[in-house]
């Protein structure tokens, strides 16, 4: 993971390749086949990932007894920024 040379190298070849393949097959490729530009298809794939992470972290943070919960939107923002980094490098 620490040997990634760029954001697209990290996300495309090193981090969680199972999910990368899933989102490529179910989000990115179908959009590209319908004529959606690659950059926008990538943004939507990262957006889906961000929404998934928002959902996944919502329940554990809501169950905390100290009343401190996660601020919604941080995971989504992180993945949208990653999409921008990946598409601008290309």
Protein backbone atom coordinates (compact mmCIF):
# COMPACT_ATOMS: atom_id res chain seq x y z
CA UNK A 1 0.00 0.00 0.00
CA UNK A 2 2.79 2.39 0.80
CA UNK A 3 4.37 1.84 -2.61
CA UNK A 4 1.54 3.46 -4.57
CA UNK A 5 2.82 6.00 -7.04
CA UNK A 6 -0.45 7.89 -7.54
CA UNK A 7 -4.06 7.98 -6.35
CA UNK A 8 -5.19 5.81 -9.27
CA UNK A 9 -2.40 3.32 -8.56
CA UNK A 10 -3.53 3.14 -4.94
CA UNK A 11 -7.25 2.76 -5.64
CA UNK A 12 -6.93 0.70 -8.82
CA UNK A 13 -4.12 -1.71 -8.01
CA UNK A 14 -3.47 -1.81 -4.29
CA UNK A 15 -6.48 -1.09 -2.05
CA UNK A 16 -9.39 -3.52 -1.63
CA UNK A 17 -9.31 -5.05 -5.08
CA UNK A 18 -12.43 -7.11 -4.42
CA UNK A 19 -14.57 -3.98 -3.98
CA UNK A 20 -12.71 -2.24 -6.80
CA UNK A 21 -13.74 -5.06 -9.14
CA UNK A 22 -17.31 -5.02 -7.85
CA UNK A 23 -17.75 -1.27 -8.40
CA UNK A 24 -16.04 -1.49 -11.77
CA UNK A 25 -18.48 -4.22 -12.90
CA UNK A 26 -21.63 -2.78 -11.35
CA UNK A 27 -21.18 1.00 -11.56
CA UNK A 28 -18.31 2.13 -13.79
CA UNK A 29 -18.52 -0.24 -16.78
CA UNK A 30 -22.33 -0.07 -17.22
CA UNK A 31 -22.18 3.73 -17.20
CA UNK A 32 -19.34 3.85 -19.72
CA UNK A 33 -21.22 1.41 -21.98
CA UNK A 34 -24.17 3.82 -21.92
CA UNK A 35 -21.93 6.65 -23.11
CA UNK A 36 -21.25 8.36 -19.78
CA UNK A 37 -17.75 9.90 -19.78
CA UNK A 38 -15.07 7.96 -17.89
CA UNK A 39 -14.42 10.80 -15.42
CA UNK A 40 -18.10 11.11 -14.49
CA UNK A 41 -18.46 7.32 -14.23
CA UNK A 42 -15.49 7.25 -11.86
CA UNK A 43 -17.02 10.05 -9.80
CA UNK A 44 -20.26 8.10 -9.51
CA UNK A 45 -18.41 4.93 -8.47
CA UNK A 46 -16.59 6.86 -5.74
CA UNK A 47 -19.90 8.48 -4.76
CA UNK A 48 -21.50 5.05 -4.31
CA UNK A 49 -18.52 4.01 -2.19
CA UNK A 50 -18.86 7.15 -0.09
CA UNK A 51 -22.56 6.53 0.46
CA UNK A 52 -21.83 2.95 1.44
CA UNK A 53 -19.25 4.12 3.98
CA UNK A 54 -21.67 6.72 5.37
CA UNK A 55 -24.24 3.97 5.89
CA UNK A 56 -21.72 1.50 7.32
CA UNK A 57 -20.42 3.96 9.94
CA UNK A 58 -23.78 5.51 10.81
CA UNK A 59 -25.08 2.70 13.03
CA UNK A 60 -21.94 2.15 15.14
CA UNK A 61 -21.56 5.87 15.81
CA UNK A 62 -25.25 6.26 16.68
CA UNK A 63 -24.98 3.47 19.25
CA UNK A 64 -22.24 5.18 21.29
CA UNK A 65 -23.34 5.79 24.84
CA UNK A 66 -21.30 8.98 25.29
CA UNK A 67 -23.55 10.84 22.87
CA UNK A 68 -20.74 11.55 20.44
CA UNK A 69 -21.71 10.48 16.96
CA UNK A 70 -20.01 10.67 13.63
CA UNK A 71 -20.67 13.77 11.60
CA UNK A 72 -22.45 12.72 8.46
CA UNK A 73 -20.81 13.61 5.21
CA UNK A 74 -17.14 13.14 6.07
CA UNK A 75 -16.89 9.73 4.41
CA UNK A 76 -18.77 10.96 1.38
CA UNK A 77 -16.55 14.03 1.12
CA UNK A 78 -13.42 11.87 1.40
CA UNK A 79 -14.45 9.67 -1.52
CA UNK A 80 -15.52 12.61 -3.69
CA UNK A 81 -12.10 14.19 -3.12
CA UNK A 82 -10.47 10.88 -4.07
CA UNK A 83 -12.50 10.82 -7.29
CA UNK A 84 -11.27 14.30 -8.11
CA UNK A 85 -7.66 13.26 -7.43
CA UNK A 86 -7.92 10.17 -9.61
CA UNK A 87 -9.60 11.92 -12.54
CA UNK A 88 -7.35 14.99 -12.55
CA UNK A 89 -4.20 12.90 -12.70
CA UNK A 90 -5.31 11.22 -15.93
